[in-house]
Protein backbone atom coordinates (compact mmCIF):
# COMPACT_ATOMS: atom_id res chain seq x y z
CA MET A 1 -114.92 -6.54 -117.31
CA THR A 2 -115.97 -10.23 -116.30
CA ALA A 3 -116.60 -10.77 -112.26
CA HIS A 4 -113.48 -12.43 -110.39
CA GLN A 5 -114.01 -15.92 -109.90
CA PRO A 6 -111.89 -17.88 -107.99
CA PRO A 7 -109.86 -21.07 -109.08
CA PRO A 8 -111.26 -24.25 -107.62
CA ALA A 9 -109.79 -25.31 -104.65
CA VAL A 10 -106.92 -28.09 -104.29
CA ALA A 11 -106.12 -30.97 -102.21
CA GLU A 12 -102.72 -29.43 -99.96
CA TYR A 13 -99.44 -29.17 -101.34
CA ASP A 14 -96.14 -27.37 -100.67
CA ALA A 15 -94.28 -24.83 -102.85
CA VAL A 16 -90.38 -24.73 -103.34
CA VAL A 17 -89.07 -21.87 -104.76
CA LEU A 18 -85.93 -21.37 -106.29
CA ALA A 19 -84.56 -17.75 -105.33
CA GLY A 20 -80.70 -17.71 -105.18
CA GLY A 21 -79.66 -17.59 -108.62
CA ALA A 22 -76.52 -15.04 -109.70
CA ALA A 23 -78.75 -13.32 -112.33
CA ARG A 24 -75.33 -12.74 -114.17
CA ARG A 25 -77.57 -11.96 -117.36
CA LEU A 26 -78.95 -9.23 -115.44
CA GLY A 27 -75.44 -7.85 -114.26
CA GLY A 28 -75.65 -9.37 -111.00
CA ALA A 29 -78.72 -7.42 -110.05
CA ASP A 30 -80.92 -8.91 -107.07
CA LYS A 31 -83.03 -10.29 -109.68
CA PRO A 32 -86.14 -11.44 -107.04
CA GLY A 33 -85.78 -8.05 -105.95
CA VAL A 34 -86.84 -6.71 -109.18
CA ARG A 35 -90.43 -4.85 -109.51
CA VAL A 36 -92.76 -5.47 -112.37
CA GLY A 37 -96.27 -3.81 -111.72
CA GLY A 38 -94.81 -2.66 -108.77
CA ARG A 39 -94.16 -5.68 -107.02
CA ALA A 40 -90.81 -7.81 -106.92
CA LEU A 41 -90.58 -10.81 -108.60
CA LEU A 42 -90.60 -13.04 -105.88
CA ASP A 43 -93.93 -11.42 -104.17
CA ARG A 44 -95.44 -12.20 -107.49
CA VAL A 45 -94.68 -15.80 -107.59
CA LEU A 46 -95.67 -16.20 -103.45
CA ALA A 47 -99.40 -14.81 -104.67
CA ALA A 48 -99.53 -17.51 -106.81
CA CYS A 49 -99.24 -20.30 -104.58
CA ALA A 50 -100.37 -18.79 -101.89
CA ASP A 51 -102.65 -21.42 -101.02
CA ALA A 52 -99.40 -24.00 -100.44
CA ARG A 53 -99.64 -25.63 -96.94
CA ALA A 54 -95.76 -24.48 -96.50
CA THR A 55 -94.14 -22.39 -98.96
CA VAL A 56 -90.05 -22.59 -99.07
CA VAL A 57 -87.62 -20.06 -100.77
CA VAL A 58 -84.01 -21.37 -100.92
CA ALA A 59 -82.15 -17.73 -101.02
CA ASP A 60 -80.69 -15.59 -98.29
CA PRO A 61 -83.67 -14.10 -96.31
CA ARG A 62 -85.19 -11.14 -96.95
CA PRO A 63 -88.81 -9.08 -96.60
CA THR A 64 -91.38 -10.93 -98.56
CA ALA A 65 -94.75 -10.04 -98.61
CA ARG A 66 -95.62 -13.62 -97.55
CA PRO A 67 -94.75 -15.51 -94.76
CA VAL A 68 -92.33 -18.42 -96.10
CA THR A 69 -89.74 -20.70 -94.46
CA TRP A 70 -85.96 -19.77 -96.21
CA ALA A 71 -83.69 -22.26 -96.74
CA ARG A 72 -80.05 -22.30 -98.65
CA GLU A 73 -77.74 -25.20 -100.44
CA GLU A 74 -75.00 -25.86 -99.02
CA PRO A 75 -72.60 -24.33 -100.73
CA PRO A 76 -74.47 -21.44 -101.52
CA GLY A 77 -74.35 -21.29 -105.51
CA GLY A 78 -74.66 -24.93 -105.62
CA GLY A 79 -76.98 -24.64 -108.90
CA PRO A 80 -80.90 -25.79 -109.35
CA VAL A 81 -80.67 -28.93 -108.19
CA ALA A 82 -78.75 -28.61 -104.87
CA ALA A 83 -80.93 -25.70 -104.00
CA LEU A 84 -84.16 -27.68 -104.77
CA ASP A 85 -82.75 -30.89 -102.71
CA ALA A 86 -82.12 -28.38 -99.88
CA GLY A 87 -85.86 -26.87 -99.83
CA LEU A 88 -87.34 -29.98 -100.42
CA ARG A 89 -86.12 -31.08 -97.02
CA HIS A 90 -88.22 -28.75 -95.36
CA THR A 91 -92.02 -30.03 -97.07
CA THR A 92 -93.96 -32.83 -96.00
CA ALA A 93 -96.74 -32.81 -98.68
CA GLU A 94 -96.81 -35.43 -101.10
CA ASP A 95 -97.50 -33.01 -103.92
CA VAL A 96 -95.18 -30.36 -104.19
CA VAL A 97 -94.48 -27.29 -107.02
CA VAL A 98 -91.33 -25.90 -107.82
CA LEU A 99 -91.00 -22.48 -109.11
CA SER A 100 -88.43 -19.79 -109.69
CA ALA A 101 -88.54 -16.46 -108.41
CA ASP A 102 -88.47 -14.84 -111.89
CA LEU A 103 -92.30 -15.61 -113.53
CA PRO A 104 -94.10 -12.34 -113.66
CA PHE A 105 -97.17 -13.93 -115.38
CA LEU A 106 -97.57 -16.71 -113.34
CA GLY A 107 -101.04 -17.04 -111.58
CA GLU A 108 -102.96 -19.43 -109.31
CA MET A 109 -105.14 -20.74 -111.54
CA THR A 110 -101.77 -22.37 -113.45
CA VAL A 111 -100.36 -23.57 -110.25
CA ARG A 112 -103.73 -25.33 -109.79
CA ARG A 113 -103.40 -26.57 -113.09
CA LEU A 114 -100.83 -28.27 -113.16
CA LEU A 115 -101.32 -30.04 -109.66
CA GLY A 116 -104.55 -31.06 -111.13
CA ALA A 117 -102.92 -32.65 -114.31
CA LEU A 118 -100.58 -34.38 -111.91
CA ARG A 119 -103.19 -35.85 -109.61
CA THR A 120 -104.73 -37.13 -112.91
CA SER A 121 -101.85 -38.32 -114.76
CA GLY A 122 -99.83 -40.89 -113.09
CA ALA A 123 -97.02 -39.28 -114.00
CA ASP A 124 -93.89 -38.03 -111.48
CA GLY A 125 -93.95 -34.54 -112.69
CA VAL A 126 -95.77 -32.10 -114.70
CA LEU A 127 -94.67 -29.33 -116.40
CA LEU A 128 -94.89 -26.18 -118.86
CA THR A 129 -93.56 -25.73 -121.87
CA ASP A 130 -92.45 -22.18 -123.08
CA ALA A 131 -93.17 -20.45 -126.81
CA ASP A 132 -90.08 -22.47 -128.32
CA HIS A 133 -91.57 -26.00 -126.85
CA ARG A 134 -89.04 -25.97 -124.05
CA ASP A 135 -89.02 -27.56 -120.94
CA GLN A 136 -89.34 -25.72 -117.82
CA PRO A 137 -88.96 -27.85 -114.67
CA LEU A 138 -89.07 -24.53 -112.85
CA VAL A 139 -92.56 -24.02 -113.44
CA ALA A 140 -93.74 -27.72 -112.45
CA ALA A 141 -95.93 -30.31 -109.83
CA TYR A 142 -94.06 -33.10 -108.79
CA ARG A 143 -94.20 -36.03 -106.73
CA ALA A 144 -92.24 -35.82 -104.15
CA SER A 145 -91.59 -39.39 -103.90
CA ALA A 146 -90.05 -38.86 -107.35
CA LEU A 147 -88.24 -36.12 -106.75
CA ARG A 148 -86.25 -37.52 -103.86
CA ARG A 149 -85.69 -40.73 -105.54
CA GLU A 150 -84.09 -39.14 -108.24
CA LEU A 151 -82.15 -36.41 -106.19
CA ALA A 152 -80.78 -39.72 -104.35
CA ALA A 153 -80.30 -41.70 -107.33
CA CYS A 154 -78.14 -38.58 -109.15
CA ALA A 155 -76.31 -37.33 -105.62
CA ALA A 156 -74.84 -41.42 -105.21
CA GLU A 157 -74.06 -40.99 -109.00
CA SER A 158 -72.14 -37.93 -108.99
CA GLY A 159 -71.17 -37.97 -105.28
CA GLY A 160 -73.34 -34.72 -104.47
CA ALA A 161 -76.09 -32.45 -105.89
CA THR A 162 -73.75 -29.53 -106.24
CA GLY A 163 -73.12 -28.11 -109.97
CA LEU A 164 -75.84 -31.03 -111.50
CA PRO A 165 -78.51 -29.54 -114.02
CA LEU A 166 -81.61 -29.67 -113.50
CA ARG A 167 -81.95 -32.05 -116.94
CA ARG A 168 -80.05 -34.66 -115.19
CA LEU A 169 -82.62 -34.85 -112.18
CA THR A 170 -85.64 -34.69 -114.27
CA ALA A 171 -84.49 -37.45 -117.29
CA GLY A 172 -84.99 -39.79 -115.06
CA LEU A 173 -88.79 -39.13 -114.50
CA GLU A 174 -92.00 -39.54 -116.12
CA LEU A 175 -93.17 -36.25 -117.05
CA THR A 176 -96.70 -34.84 -118.54
CA ARG A 177 -95.91 -31.35 -120.24
CA VAL A 178 -98.45 -28.68 -120.57
CA PRO A 179 -97.80 -25.52 -123.42
CA ASP A 180 -98.09 -22.32 -121.41
CA ALA A 181 -96.11 -19.67 -123.45
CA VAL A 182 -97.46 -16.60 -120.77
CA ALA A 183 -97.28 -18.21 -117.59
CA SER A 184 -93.85 -20.11 -118.44
CA PHE A 185 -92.14 -16.11 -119.13
CA ASP A 186 -89.40 -16.19 -117.13
CA CYS A 187 -87.39 -12.68 -116.67
CA ASP A 188 -83.49 -13.45 -117.40
CA THR A 189 -82.45 -9.95 -119.06
CA TRP A 190 -83.86 -6.56 -118.71
CA ASP A 191 -85.00 -6.93 -122.20
CA ASP A 192 -87.01 -9.34 -120.29
CA ILE A 193 -88.20 -7.26 -117.63
CA ALA A 194 -88.94 -4.26 -119.97
CA THR A 195 -91.27 -6.58 -121.69
CA ALA A 196 -92.75 -7.55 -118.61
CA ARG A 197 -93.73 -4.44 -117.84
CA ALA A 198 -94.99 -3.30 -121.12
CA ARG A 199 -97.05 -6.42 -121.25
CA ILE A 200 -99.36 -5.78 -117.45
CA ARG A 201 -100.04 -2.36 -118.91
CA GLU A 202 -101.85 -3.25 -121.73
CA HIS A 203 -105.72 -2.68 -121.10
CA GLY A 204 -106.75 -5.90 -120.82
CA HIS A 205 -104.48 -6.84 -117.69
CA VAL A 206 -103.90 -3.32 -116.16
CA LEU A 207 -107.03 -3.33 -113.97
CA ASP A 208 -106.19 -7.33 -112.47
CA GLU A 209 -102.49 -6.35 -112.20
CA TRP A 210 -103.11 -3.17 -110.25
CA ILE A 211 -106.10 -4.46 -108.16
CA SER A 212 -103.37 -7.44 -107.37
CA ALA A 213 -100.50 -4.94 -106.46
CA VAL A 214 -102.80 -2.85 -104.13
CA LYS A 215 -104.07 -5.98 -101.82
CA ASP A 216 -100.34 -6.99 -101.98
CA GLU A 217 -99.53 -4.16 -100.15
CA LEU A 218 -102.40 -3.87 -98.20
CA GLY A 219 -101.89 -6.86 -97.03
CA ILE A 220 -105.22 -7.97 -98.28
CA ASP A 221 -106.12 -11.64 -98.86
CA LEU A 222 -109.88 -11.21 -100.43
CA ASP A 223 -111.38 -12.29 -103.57
CA VAL A 224 -114.20 -10.17 -104.23
CA ASP A 225 -116.61 -9.12 -107.51
CA THR A 226 -114.74 -6.69 -109.28
CA GLY A 227 -117.51 -6.41 -111.52
CA LEU A 228 -119.96 -5.80 -108.99
CA LEU A 229 -117.52 -2.60 -107.84
CA LEU A 230 -117.53 -1.45 -111.31
CA ASP A 231 -120.64 -1.29 -112.02
CA LEU A 232 -121.36 -0.01 -108.49
CA ALA A 233 -118.45 2.89 -109.50
CA ARG A 234 -120.72 3.07 -112.88
CA ASP A 235 -123.96 4.08 -111.09
CA ALA A 236 -122.43 6.18 -108.85
CA ALA A 237 -120.62 8.43 -111.28
CA HIS A 238 -123.49 8.56 -113.56
CA GLY A 239 -126.54 8.73 -111.00
CA VAL A 240 -125.30 11.16 -108.41
CA ALA A 241 -121.93 13.01 -109.63
CA ARG A 242 -118.69 11.62 -110.78
CA PRO A 243 -117.16 11.97 -106.84
CA ALA A 244 -119.10 9.69 -105.79
CA ALA A 245 -117.51 6.63 -107.67
CA PRO A 246 -114.25 6.29 -105.72
CA LEU A 247 -115.77 7.59 -102.41
CA THR A 248 -119.26 5.30 -102.60
CA THR A 249 -116.48 2.16 -103.17
CA PHE A 250 -114.61 3.19 -100.26
CA LEU A 251 -117.75 3.45 -97.96
CA VAL A 252 -118.44 -0.17 -99.29
CA GLY A 253 -115.27 -1.29 -98.14
CA TYR A 254 -115.60 0.59 -94.77
CA ALA A 255 -118.99 -1.16 -94.51
CA ALA A 256 -117.75 -4.83 -95.31
CA ALA A 257 -115.07 -4.56 -92.75
CA ARG A 258 -117.43 -3.92 -90.18
CA ALA A 259 -119.71 -6.11 -91.10
CA GLY A 260 -116.66 -8.74 -90.49
CA GLY A 261 -114.94 -8.42 -93.93
CA GLY A 262 -115.09 -11.30 -96.51
CA PRO A 263 -116.48 -11.59 -100.54
CA GLU A 264 -119.65 -11.80 -99.05
CA ALA A 265 -119.63 -8.45 -97.07
CA VAL A 266 -118.48 -6.75 -99.57
CA ALA A 267 -121.50 -7.90 -102.18
CA GLU A 268 -124.08 -7.10 -99.60
CA ALA A 269 -122.65 -3.58 -98.89
CA SER A 270 -122.31 -3.28 -102.86
CA ARG A 271 -125.89 -4.73 -103.16
CA LYS A 272 -127.20 -1.67 -101.10
CA ALA A 273 -124.92 1.06 -102.32
CA ALA A 274 -125.67 0.59 -106.02
CA ALA A 275 -130.13 0.08 -105.03
CA LEU A 276 -129.62 3.33 -103.86
CA ALA A 277 -127.58 4.56 -106.34
CA VAL A 278 -130.46 3.30 -108.82
CA ARG A 279 -133.07 5.16 -106.78
CA TRP A 280 -131.16 8.30 -106.48
CA ALA A 281 -130.79 8.31 -110.36
CA GLU A 282 -134.82 7.64 -110.87
CA GLU A 283 -135.58 10.64 -108.30
CA SER A 284 -132.97 12.80 -110.16
CA ALA A 285 -134.80 11.93 -113.75
CA ALA A 286 -138.67 12.07 -112.69
CA ALA A 287 -137.78 15.79 -110.74
CA GLU A 288 -135.96 17.07 -114.00
CA PRO A 289 -139.71 17.26 -116.57
CA ASP A 290 -140.85 19.14 -113.16
CA ALA A 291 -138.31 21.86 -112.69
CA ALA A 292 -138.00 22.34 -116.40
CA GLU A 293 -141.71 23.20 -116.08
CA ASP A 294 -140.98 25.54 -113.50
CA ALA A 295 -138.73 27.32 -115.19
CA ALA A 296 -140.35 27.95 -118.32
CA PRO A 297 -141.93 31.22 -118.45
CA ASP A 298 -146.01 31.34 -118.72
CA THR A 299 -146.91 32.32 -121.87
CA ARG A 300 -150.54 31.99 -121.35
CA PRO A 301 -152.90 34.84 -122.43
CA ASP A 302 -154.25 36.01 -119.02
CA ALA A 303 -150.76 35.04 -117.00
CA GLY A 304 -149.79 38.21 -114.99
């Protein structure tokens, strides 16, 4: 497994997450709270925009893994344009990421890719397109000034934002499109939920998904070199004993916390433990011939 590399830093931005839909195709279920990989869909999206300066969720308040600002369109259920208008009122950054709350495969790298494209394109917004080449305006980064301009124009023309479709808003924007069939995948039906749950358990995804879920559950916001930890666990298991692997990684975490935490503390504690495991294995290998010689019967003629 390759080591986890944190995504490059980006300039400040705000995020608006729309989470107040009726979820009719899910039978009215609480879609933002549906769990995929042990985490609520809303929490998965919030993790993807965790480095936003401010995150506004347009919905009724609920417990979330990360602190957010809550907003609501008036009247509630007024549609995505009205919800976006309500959320945007709580933002101040010039760049705004706009997301729906049902994106199980959205990651931090995709958010940063959208923002990077926005800052180099000169467009009003950058959005993803899905597997069928359809625009996904709720997986996008926009210039807030352009959104406010078009929101005001739409409201003036229609007497308000309630009930307006998103395509009415985006029609007036200059947009750049980025194809991404995975990150744009949204969960509208129970079949979509089942597909998402199955995919994250595939071999190539399950470990990263599990680590992300554990960090959210424990309230840990820490990027570490998972490859280094896996190598350490392997060395401890092979060079000492299989139960040494989980116990050693636990002790590394404890030592790193005592040293102040952070990726550097984890890496240093891992280095020390890995070196010890190698020395242990070398000693064991060197002792084995001696042990075999001691155990062998003495067959010399004058023995005894």
